[in-house]
């Protein structure tokens, strides 16, 4: 579940425009009060598995739509280099 509010939802063109950009069959966009919305990418979280061909297309689609507001975390997981951390954070974009 991804909750969106202002100003991001407004800059995306509102709920109807966001819904039109997210085409994965399992994705739903529900309008909430006060100019907010919740995006659900399926009935439960998925881990994915590249070796099994589970590339999580709905996650990638949402990541591309929200990329202009992407926040790069500055901390690093133990044992991750800066480059590995960047790759992990952008795993649905690259």
PDB file of N, CA and C in Angstrom:
ATOM      1  N   UNK A   1       0.845  -1.170   0.000  1.00  0.00           N
ATOM      2  CA  UNK A   1       0.000   0.000   0.000  1.00  0.00           C
ATOM      3  C   UNK A   1       0.889   1.231   0.000  1.00  0.00           C
ATOM      4  N   UNK A   2       0.517   2.162  -0.853  1.00  0.00           N
ATOM      5  CA  UNK A   2       1.248   3.410  -0.970  1.00  0.00           C
ATOM      6  C   UNK A   2       0.245   4.546  -0.838  1.00  0.00           C
ATOM      7  N   UNK A   3       0.432   5.379   0.161  1.00  0.00           N
ATOM      8  CA  UNK A   3      -0.468   6.494   0.398  1.00  0.00           C
ATOM      9  C   UNK A   3       0.132   7.743  -0.225  1.00  0.00           C
ATOM     10  N   UNK A   4      -0.672   8.451  -1.001  1.00  0.00           N
ATOM     11  CA  UNK A   4      -0.221   9.672  -1.660  1.00  0.00           C
ATOM     12  C   UNK A   4      -1.129  10.820  -1.252  1.00  0.00           C
ATOM     13  N   UNK A   5      -0.539  11.972  -1.108  1.00  0.00           N
ATOM     14  CA  UNK A   5      -1.293  13.175  -0.780  1.00  0.00           C
ATOM     15  C   UNK A   5      -0.754  14.330  -1.587  1.00  0.00           C
ATOM     16  N   UNK A   6      -1.053  15.524  -1.119  1.00  0.00           N
ATOM     17  CA  UNK A   6      -0.598  16.730  -1.798  1.00  0.00           C
ATOM     18  C   UNK A   6       0.817  17.061  -1.334  1.00  0.00           C
ATOM     19  N   UNK A   7       1.659  17.586  -2.160  1.00  0.00           N
ATOM     20  CA  UNK A   7       1.379  18.057  -3.502  1.00  0.00           C
ATOM     21  C   UNK A   7       1.553  16.989  -4.587  1.00  0.00           C
ATOM     22  N   UNK A   8       2.084  15.822  -4.234  1.00  0.00           N
ATOM     23  CA  UNK A   8       2.402  14.807  -5.251  1.00  0.00           C
ATOM     24  C   UNK A   8       1.164  14.409  -6.045  1.00  0.00           C
ATOM     25  N   UNK A   9       0.077  14.094  -5.377  1.00  0.00           N
ATOM     26  CA  UNK A   9      -1.115  13.649  -6.083  1.00  0.00           C
ATOM     27  C   UNK A   9      -1.622  14.730  -7.037  1.00  0.00           C
ATOM     28  N   UNK A  10      -1.564  15.967  -6.623  1.00  0.00           N
ATOM     29  CA  UNK A  10      -1.960  17.065  -7.501  1.00  0.00           C
ATOM     30  C   UNK A  10      -1.050  17.189  -8.702  1.00  0.00           C
ATOM     31  N   UNK A  11       0.249  17.050  -8.495  1.00  0.00           N
ATOM     32  CA  UNK A  11       1.211  17.146  -9.595  1.00  0.00           C
ATOM     33  C   UNK A  11       1.075  15.972 -10.560  1.00  0.00           C
ATOM     34  N   UNK A  12       0.544  14.860 -10.086  1.00  0.00           N
ATOM     35  CA  UNK A  12       0.273  13.708 -10.956  1.00  0.00           C
ATOM     36  C   UNK A  12      -1.020  13.882 -11.748  1.00  0.00           C
ATOM     37  N   UNK A  13      -1.774  14.931 -11.459  1.00  0.00           N
ATOM     38  CA  UNK A  13      -3.015  15.171 -12.171  1.00  0.00           C
ATOM     39  C   UNK A  13      -4.236  14.604 -11.488  1.00  0.00           C
ATOM     40  N   UNK A  14      -4.108  14.241 -10.226  1.00  0.00           N
ATOM     41  CA  UNK A  14      -5.234  13.725  -9.460  1.00  0.00           C
ATOM     42  C   UNK A  14      -5.400  12.221  -9.589  1.00  0.00           C
ATOM     43  N   UNK A  15      -6.415  11.732  -8.908  1.00  0.00           N
ATOM     44  CA  UNK A  15      -6.660  10.296  -8.830  1.00  0.00           C
ATOM     45  C   UNK A  15      -6.947   9.690 -10.202  1.00  0.00           C
ATOM     46  N   UNK A  16      -7.787  10.346 -10.991  1.00  0.00           N
ATOM     47  CA  UNK A  16      -8.159   9.789 -12.299  1.00  0.00           C
ATOM     48  C   UNK A  16      -6.940   9.647 -13.204  1.00  0.00           C
ATOM     49  N   UNK A  17      -6.083  10.655 -13.223  1.00  0.00           N
ATOM     50  CA  UNK A  17      -4.888  10.574 -14.060  1.00  0.00           C
ATOM     51  C   UNK A  17      -3.928   9.505 -13.542  1.00  0.00           C
ATOM     52  N   UNK A  18      -3.753   9.435 -12.235  1.00  0.00           N
ATOM     53  CA  UNK A  18      -2.896   8.399 -11.659  1.00  0.00           C
ATOM     54  C   UNK A  18      -3.424   7.021 -12.022  1.00  0.00           C
ATOM     55  N   UNK A  19      -4.701   6.818 -11.885  1.00  0.00           N
ATOM     56  CA  UNK A  19      -5.327   5.535 -12.213  1.00  0.00           C
ATOM     57  C   UNK A  19      -5.087   5.170 -13.682  1.00  0.00           C
ATOM     58  N   UNK A  20      -5.149   6.146 -14.566  1.00  0.00           N
ATOM     59  CA  UNK A  20      -4.950   5.878 -15.993  1.00  0.00           C
ATOM     60  C   UNK A  20      -3.512   5.505 -16.324  1.00  0.00           C
ATOM     61  N   UNK A  21      -2.570   5.919 -15.482  1.00  0.00           N
ATOM     62  CA  UNK A  21      -1.150   5.617 -15.720  1.00  0.00           C
ATOM     63  C   UNK A  21      -0.725   4.274 -15.148  1.00  0.00           C
ATOM     64  N   UNK A  22      -1.528   3.721 -14.263  1.00  0.00           N
ATOM     65  CA  UNK A  22      -1.204   2.444 -13.629  1.00  0.00           C
ATOM     66  C   UNK A  22      -2.101   1.370 -14.242  1.00  0.00           C
ATOM     67  N   UNK A  23      -1.547   0.556 -15.115  1.00  0.00           N
ATOM     68  CA  UNK A  23      -2.338  -0.373 -15.909  1.00  0.00           C
ATOM     69  C   UNK A  23      -2.234  -1.832 -15.476  1.00  0.00           C
ATOM     70  N   UNK A  24      -1.413  -2.138 -14.518  1.00  0.00           N
ATOM     71  CA  UNK A  24      -1.284  -3.531 -14.074  1.00  0.00           C
ATOM     72  C   UNK A  24      -2.624  -4.005 -13.528  1.00  0.00           C
ATOM     73  N   UNK A  25      -3.051  -5.213 -13.908  1.00  0.00           N
ATOM     74  CA  UNK A  25      -4.376  -5.695 -13.510  1.00  0.00           C
ATOM     75  C   UNK A  25      -4.597  -5.773 -12.005  1.00  0.00           C
ATOM     76  N   UNK A  26      -3.556  -5.991 -11.235  1.00  0.00           N
ATOM     77  CA  UNK A  26      -3.717  -6.141  -9.786  1.00  0.00           C
ATOM     78  C   UNK A  26      -3.687  -4.810  -9.040  1.00  0.00           C
ATOM     79  N   UNK A  27      -3.412  -3.701  -9.742  1.00  0.00           N
ATOM     80  CA  UNK A  27      -3.279  -2.392  -9.110  1.00  0.00           C
ATOM     81  C   UNK A  27      -4.632  -1.711  -8.971  1.00  0.00           C
ATOM     82  N   UNK A  28      -4.881  -1.168  -7.777  1.00  0.00           N
ATOM     83  CA  UNK A  28      -6.070  -0.347  -7.559  1.00  0.00           C
ATOM     84  C   UNK A  28      -5.640   0.999  -6.983  1.00  0.00           C
ATOM     85  N   UNK A  29      -6.382   2.028  -7.360  1.00  0.00           N
ATOM     86  CA  UNK A  29      -6.171   3.372  -6.825  1.00  0.00           C
ATOM     87  C   UNK A  29      -7.496   3.789  -6.201  1.00  0.00           C
ATOM     88  N   UNK A  30      -7.472   4.004  -4.906  1.00  0.00           N
ATOM     89  CA  UNK A  30      -8.685   4.380  -4.176  1.00  0.00           C
ATOM     90  C   UNK A  30      -8.560   5.815  -3.693  1.00  0.00           C
ATOM     91  N   UNK A  31      -9.541   6.620  -4.045  1.00  0.00           N
ATOM     92  CA  UNK A  31      -9.543   8.009  -3.600  1.00  0.00           C
ATOM     93  C   UNK A  31      -9.947   8.079  -2.135  1.00  0.00           C
ATOM     94  N   UNK A  32      -9.218   8.873  -1.380  1.00  0.00           N
ATOM     95  CA  UNK A  32      -9.517   9.115   0.022  1.00  0.00           C
ATOM     96  C   UNK A  32      -9.933  10.568   0.183  1.00  0.00           C
ATOM     97  N   UNK A  33     -10.405  10.923   1.343  1.00  0.00           N
ATOM     98  CA  UNK A  33     -10.792  12.317   1.587  1.00  0.00           C
ATOM     99  C   UNK A  33      -9.557  13.202   1.670  1.00  0.00           C
ATOM    100  N   UNK A  34      -9.782  14.481   1.585  1.00  0.00           N
ATOM    101  CA  UNK A  34      -8.743  15.513   1.742  1.00  0.00           C
ATOM    102  C   UNK A  34      -7.655  15.428   0.677  1.00  0.00           C
ATOM    103  N   UNK A  35      -8.030  15.064  -0.562  1.00  0.00           N
ATOM    104  CA  UNK A  35      -7.061  15.063  -1.651  1.00  0.00           C
ATOM    105  C   UNK A  35      -5.980  14.022  -1.518  1.00  0.00           C
ATOM    106  N   UNK A  36      -6.338  12.871  -1.015  1.00  0.00           N
ATOM    107  CA  UNK A  36      -5.368  11.785  -0.836  1.00  0.00           C
ATOM    108  C   UNK A  36      -5.842  10.548  -1.579  1.00  0.00           C
ATOM    109  N   UNK A  37      -4.939   9.586  -1.737  1.00  0.00           N
ATOM    110  CA  UNK A  37      -5.275   8.322  -2.394  1.00  0.00           C
ATOM    111  C   UNK A  37      -4.387   7.224  -1.842  1.00  0.00           C
ATOM    112  N   UNK A  38      -4.838   5.993  -2.008  1.00  0.00           N
ATOM    113  CA  UNK A  38      -4.025   4.842  -1.655  1.00  0.00           C
ATOM    114  C   UNK A  38      -3.918   3.961  -2.896  1.00  0.00           C
ATOM    115  N   UNK A  39      -2.699   3.559  -3.208  1.00  0.00           N
ATOM    116  CA  UNK A  39      -2.418   2.668  -4.334  1.00  0.00           C
ATOM    117  C   UNK A  39      -2.070   1.304  -3.753  1.00  0.00           C
ATOM    118  N   UNK A  40      -2.771   0.285  -4.207  1.00  0.00           N
ATOM    119  CA  UNK A  40      -2.512  -1.090  -3.771  1.00  0.00           C
ATOM    120  C   UNK A  40      -2.087  -1.889  -4.985  1.00  0.00           C
ATOM    121  N   UNK A  41      -0.982  -2.597  -4.874  1.00  0.00           N
ATOM    122  CA  UNK A  41      -0.423  -3.317  -6.008  1.00  0.00           C
ATOM    123  C   UNK A  41      -0.822  -4.785  -6.052  1.00  0.00           C
ATOM    124  N   UNK A  42      -1.747  -5.166  -5.236  1.00  0.00           N
ATOM    125  CA  UNK A  42      -2.223  -6.543  -5.204  1.00  0.00           C
ATOM    126  C   UNK A  42      -2.744  -6.872  -3.825  1.00  0.00           C
ATOM    127  N   UNK A  43      -3.236  -8.092  -3.644  1.00  0.00           N
ATOM    128  CA  UNK A  43      -3.833  -8.459  -2.356  1.00  0.00           C
ATOM    129  C   UNK A  43      -2.811  -8.629  -1.224  1.00  0.00           C
ATOM    130  N   UNK A  44      -1.538  -8.827  -1.551  1.00  0.00           N
ATOM    131  CA  UNK A  44      -0.507  -8.982  -0.530  1.00  0.00           C
ATOM    132  C   UNK A  44       0.839  -8.563  -1.130  1.00  0.00           C
ATOM    133  N   UNK A  45       1.825  -8.238  -0.297  1.00  0.00           N
ATOM    134  CA  UNK A  45       3.150  -7.875  -0.804  1.00  0.00           C
ATOM    135  C   UNK A  45       3.802  -9.063  -1.506  1.00  0.00           C
ATOM    136  N   UNK A  46       4.583  -8.773  -2.529  1.00  0.00           N
ATOM    137  CA  UNK A  46       5.312  -9.808  -3.250  1.00  0.00           C
ATOM    138  C   UNK A  46       6.805  -9.569  -3.091  1.00  0.00           C
ATOM    139  N   UNK A  47       7.562 -10.642  -2.991  1.00  0.00           N
ATOM    140  CA  UNK A  47       9.014 -10.526  -2.871  1.00  0.00           C
ATOM    141  C   UNK A  47       9.681 -10.511  -4.236  1.00  0.00           C
ATOM    142  N   UNK A  48       9.115 -11.217  -5.195  1.00  0.00           N
ATOM    143  CA  UNK A  48       9.730 -11.316  -6.512  1.00  0.00           C
ATOM    144  C   UNK A  48      10.925 -12.262  -6.497  1.00  0.00           C
ATOM    145  N   UNK A  49      11.311 -12.717  -7.677  1.00  0.00           N
ATOM    146  CA  UNK A  49      12.461 -13.600  -7.826  1.00  0.00           C
ATOM    147  C   UNK A  49      12.908 -13.523  -9.281  1.00  0.00           C
ATOM    148  N   UNK A  50      13.996 -12.800  -9.528  1.00  0.00           N
ATOM    149  CA  UNK A  50      14.466 -12.611 -10.893  1.00  0.00           C
ATOM    150  C   UNK A  50      14.801 -13.935 -11.573  1.00  0.00           C
ATOM    151  N   UNK A  51      15.317 -14.887 -10.812  1.00  0.00           N
ATOM    152  CA  UNK A  51      15.667 -16.184 -11.396  1.00  0.00           C
ATOM    153  C   UNK A  51      14.435 -16.961 -11.832  1.00  0.00           C
ATOM    154  N   UNK A  52      13.278 -16.670 -11.219  1.00  0.00           N
ATOM    155  CA  UNK A  52      12.024 -17.322 -11.579  1.00  0.00           C
ATOM    156  C   UNK A  52      11.191 -16.453 -12.534  1.00  0.00           C
ATOM    157  N   UNK A  53      11.747 -15.322 -12.956  1.00  0.00           N
ATOM    158  CA  UNK A  53      11.036 -14.428 -13.870  1.00  0.00           C
ATOM    159  C   UNK A  53       9.986 -13.564 -13.196  1.00  0.00           C
ATOM    160  N   UNK A  54      10.002 -13.480 -11.874  1.00  0.00           N
ATOM    161  CA  UNK A  54       9.040 -12.659 -11.131  1.00  0.00           C
ATOM    162  C   UNK A  54       9.642 -11.260 -10.945  1.00  0.00           C
ATOM    163  N   UNK A  55       9.449 -10.412 -11.945  1.00  0.00           N
ATOM    164  CA  UNK A  55      10.100  -9.101 -11.964  1.00  0.00           C
ATOM    165  C   UNK A  55       9.258  -7.989 -11.357  1.00  0.00           C
ATOM    166  N   UNK A  56       8.083  -8.313 -10.835  1.00  0.00           N
ATOM    167  CA  UNK A  56       7.207  -7.360 -10.161  1.00  0.00           C
ATOM    168  C   UNK A  56       6.851  -6.157 -11.042  1.00  0.00           C
ATOM    169  N   UNK A  57       6.214  -6.402 -12.171  1.00  0.00           N
ATOM    170  CA  UNK A  57       5.903  -5.301 -13.087  1.00  0.00           C
ATOM    171  C   UNK A  57       5.043  -4.198 -12.479  1.00  0.00           C
ATOM    172  N   UNK A  58       4.113  -4.523 -11.599  1.00  0.00           N
ATOM    173  CA  UNK A  58       3.288  -3.475 -10.982  1.00  0.00           C
ATOM    174  C   UNK A  58       4.143  -2.558 -10.114  1.00  0.00           C
ATOM    175  N   UNK A  59       5.110  -3.123  -9.399  1.00  0.00           N
ATOM    176  CA  UNK A  59       6.005  -2.322  -8.561  1.00  0.00           C
ATOM    177  C   UNK A  59       6.848  -1.403  -9.440  1.00  0.00           C
ATOM    178  N   UNK A  60       7.344  -1.938 -10.547  1.00  0.00           N
ATOM    179  CA  UNK A  60       8.163  -1.155 -11.470  1.00  0.00           C
ATOM    180  C   UNK A  60       7.346  -0.022 -12.101  1.00  0.00           C
ATOM    181  N   UNK A  61       6.118  -0.322 -12.457  1.00  0.00           N
ATOM    182  CA  UNK A  61       5.248   0.685 -13.057  1.00  0.00           C
ATOM    183  C   UNK A  61       5.021   1.841 -12.080  1.00  0.00           C
ATOM    184  N   UNK A  62       4.679   1.542 -10.835  1.00  0.00           N
ATOM    185  CA  UNK A  62       4.467   2.590  -9.836  1.00  0.00           C
ATOM    186  C   UNK A  62       5.753   3.367  -9.581  1.00  0.00           C
ATOM    187  N   UNK A  63       6.876   2.679  -9.516  1.00  0.00           N
ATOM    188  CA  UNK A  63       8.154   3.357  -9.288  1.00  0.00           C
ATOM    189  C   UNK A  63       8.450   4.358 -10.408  1.00  0.00           C
ATOM    190  N   UNK A  64       8.170   3.986 -11.648  1.00  0.00           N
ATOM    191  CA  UNK A  64       8.396   4.911 -12.770  1.00  0.00           C
ATOM    192  C   UNK A  64       7.484   6.134 -12.674  1.00  0.00           C
ATOM    193  N   UNK A  65       6.233   5.933 -12.295  1.00  0.00           N
ATOM    194  CA  UNK A  65       5.299   7.059 -12.161  1.00  0.00           C
ATOM    195  C   UNK A  65       5.752   8.001 -11.053  1.00  0.00           C
ATOM    196  N   UNK A  66       6.253   7.448  -9.956  1.00  0.00           N
ATOM    197  CA  UNK A  66       6.644   8.262  -8.797  1.00  0.00           C
ATOM    198  C   UNK A  66       8.113   8.693  -8.806  1.00  0.00           C
ATOM    199  N   UNK A  67       8.861   8.314  -9.825  1.00  0.00           N
ATOM    200  CA  UNK A  67      10.294   8.616  -9.853  1.00  0.00           C
ATOM    201  C   UNK A  67      10.623  10.092  -9.646  1.00  0.00           C
ATOM    202  N   UNK A  68       9.851  11.050 -10.191  1.00  0.00           N
ATOM    203  CA  UNK A  68      10.207  12.457  -9.947  1.00  0.00           C
ATOM    204  C   UNK A  68      10.226  12.845  -8.466  1.00  0.00           C
ATOM    205  N   UNK A  69       9.588  12.083  -7.618  1.00  0.00           N
ATOM    206  CA  UNK A  69       9.552  12.369  -6.178  1.00  0.00           C
ATOM    207  C   UNK A  69      10.384  11.366  -5.393  1.00  0.00           C
ATOM    208  N   UNK A  70      11.244  10.627  -6.069  1.00  0.00           N
ATOM    209  CA  UNK A  70      12.067   9.600  -5.435  1.00  0.00           C
ATOM    210  C   UNK A  70      12.983  10.239  -4.401  1.00  0.00           C
ATOM    211  N   UNK A  71      13.037   9.616  -3.240  1.00  0.00           N
ATOM    212  CA  UNK A  71      13.879  10.089  -2.150  1.00  0.00           C
ATOM    213  C   UNK A  71      15.027   9.112  -1.978  1.00  0.00           C
ATOM    214  N   UNK A  72      16.238   9.610  -2.036  1.00  0.00           N
ATOM    215  CA  UNK A  72      17.405   8.754  -1.868  1.00  0.00           C
ATOM    216  C   UNK A  72      17.815   8.760  -0.402  1.00  0.00           C
ATOM    217  N   UNK A  73      17.678   7.608   0.223  1.00  0.00           N
ATOM    218  CA  UNK A  73      18.059   7.460   1.629  1.00  0.00           C
ATOM    219  C   UNK A  73      19.579   7.574   1.747  1.00  0.00           C
ATOM    220  N   UNK A  74      20.042   8.265   2.761  1.00  0.00           N
ATOM    221  CA  UNK A  74      21.481   8.503   2.929  1.00  0.00           C
ATOM    222  C   UNK A  74      22.167   7.471   3.824  1.00  0.00           C
ATOM    223  N   UNK A  75      21.389   6.664   4.548  1.00  0.00           N
ATOM    224  CA  UNK A  75      22.042   5.651   5.378  1.00  0.00           C
ATOM    225  C   UNK A  75      22.399   4.450   4.504  1.00  0.00           C
ATOM    226  N   UNK A  76      23.199   3.561   5.040  1.00  0.00           N
ATOM    227  CA  UNK A  76      23.616   2.383   4.299  1.00  0.00           C
ATOM    228  C   UNK A  76      23.398   1.158   5.168  1.00  0.00           C
ATOM    229  N   UNK A  77      22.864   0.092   4.561  1.00  0.00           N
ATOM    230  CA  UNK A  77      22.748  -1.174   5.285  1.00  0.00           C
ATOM    231  C   UNK A  77      24.144  -1.709   5.578  1.00  0.00           C
ATOM    232  N   UNK A  78      24.297  -2.392   6.692  1.00  0.00           N
ATOM    233  CA  UNK A  78      25.593  -2.968   7.065  1.00  0.00           C
ATOM    234  C   UNK A  78      26.103  -3.859   5.936  1.00  0.00           C
ATOM    235  N   UNK A  79      27.304  -3.615   5.492  1.00  0.00           N
ATOM    236  CA  UNK A  79      27.919  -4.430   4.457  1.00  0.00           C
ATOM    237  C   UNK A  79      27.625  -3.969   3.035  1.00  0.00           C
ATOM    238  N   UNK A  80      26.775  -2.964   2.852  1.00  0.00           N
ATOM    239  CA  UNK A  80      26.464  -2.449   1.515  1.00  0.00           C
ATOM    240  C   UNK A  80      27.427  -1.321   1.173  1.00  0.00           C
ATOM    241  N   UNK A  81      27.979  -1.350  -0.022  1.00  0.00           N
ATOM    242  CA  UNK A  81      28.747  -0.208  -0.505  1.00  0.00           C
ATOM    243  C   UNK A  81      27.761   0.871  -0.938  1.00  0.00           C
ATOM    244  N   UNK A  82      28.257   2.068  -1.186  1.00  0.00           N
ATOM    245  CA  UNK A  82      27.380   3.143  -1.660  1.00  0.00           C
ATOM    246  C   UNK A  82      26.682   2.732  -2.957  1.00  0.00           C
ATOM    247  N   UNK A  83      27.421   2.105  -3.864  1.00  0.00           N
ATOM    248  CA  UNK A  83      26.851   1.686  -5.136  1.00  0.00           C
ATOM    249  C   UNK A  83      25.793   0.601  -4.946  1.00  0.00           C
ATOM    250  N   UNK A  84      26.053  -0.377  -4.087  1.00  0.00           N
ATOM    251  CA  UNK A  84      25.058  -1.423  -3.831  1.00  0.00           C
ATOM    252  C   UNK A  84      23.810  -0.854  -3.183  1.00  0.00           C
ATOM    253  N   UNK A  85      23.979   0.137  -2.322  1.00  0.00           N
ATOM    254  CA  UNK A  85      22.828   0.773  -1.682  1.00  0.00           C
ATOM    255  C   UNK A  85      21.997   1.513  -2.724  1.00  0.00           C
ATOM    256  N   UNK A  86      22.658   2.228  -3.627  1.00  0.00           N
ATOM    257  CA  UNK A  86      21.959   2.930  -4.690  1.00  0.00           C
ATOM    258  C   UNK A  86      21.203   1.952  -5.575  1.00  0.00           C
ATOM    259  N   UNK A  87      21.829   0.842  -5.921  1.00  0.00           N
ATOM    260  CA  UNK A  87      21.163  -0.159  -6.754  1.00  0.00           C
ATOM    261  C   UNK A  87      19.956  -0.751  -6.035  1.00  0.00           C
ATOM    262  N   UNK A  88      20.065  -0.991  -4.735  1.00  0.00           N
ATOM    263  CA  UNK A  88      18.940  -1.531  -3.962  1.00  0.00           C
ATOM    264  C   UNK A  88      17.775  -0.534  -3.954  1.00  0.00           C
ATOM    265  N   UNK A  89      18.083   0.717  -3.696  1.00  0.00           N
ATOM    266  CA  UNK A  89      17.025   1.732  -3.637  1.00  0.00           C
ATOM    267  C   UNK A  89      16.338   1.929  -4.985  1.00  0.00           C
ATOM    268  N   UNK A  90      17.082   1.768  -6.069  1.00  0.00           N
ATOM    269  CA  UNK A  90      16.519   1.981  -7.411  1.00  0.00           C
ATOM    270  C   UNK A  90      16.164   0.658  -8.102  1.00  0.00           C
ATOM    271  N   UNK A  91      15.987  -0.401  -7.333  1.00  0.00           N
ATOM    272  CA  UNK A  91      15.792  -1.732  -7.903  1.00  0.00           C
ATOM    273  C   UNK A  91      14.579  -1.845  -8.826  1.00  0.00           C
ATOM    274  N   UNK A  92      13.586  -0.999  -8.662  1.00  0.00           N
ATOM    275  CA  UNK A  92      12.425  -1.048  -9.540  1.00  0.00           C
ATOM    276  C   UNK A  92      12.528  -0.072 -10.698  1.00  0.00           C
ATOM    277  N   UNK A  93      13.581   0.739 -10.723  1.00  0.00           N
ATOM    278  CA  UNK A  93      13.737   1.742 -11.754  1.00  0.00           C
ATOM    279  C   UNK A  93      14.794   1.394 -12.782  1.00  0.00           C
ATOM    280  N   UNK A  94      15.831   0.739 -12.370  1.00  0.00           N
ATOM    281  CA  UNK A  94      16.952   0.446 -13.293  1.00  0.00           C
ATOM    282  C   UNK A  94      16.823  -0.942 -13.900  1.00  0.00           C
TER     283      UNK A  94
END
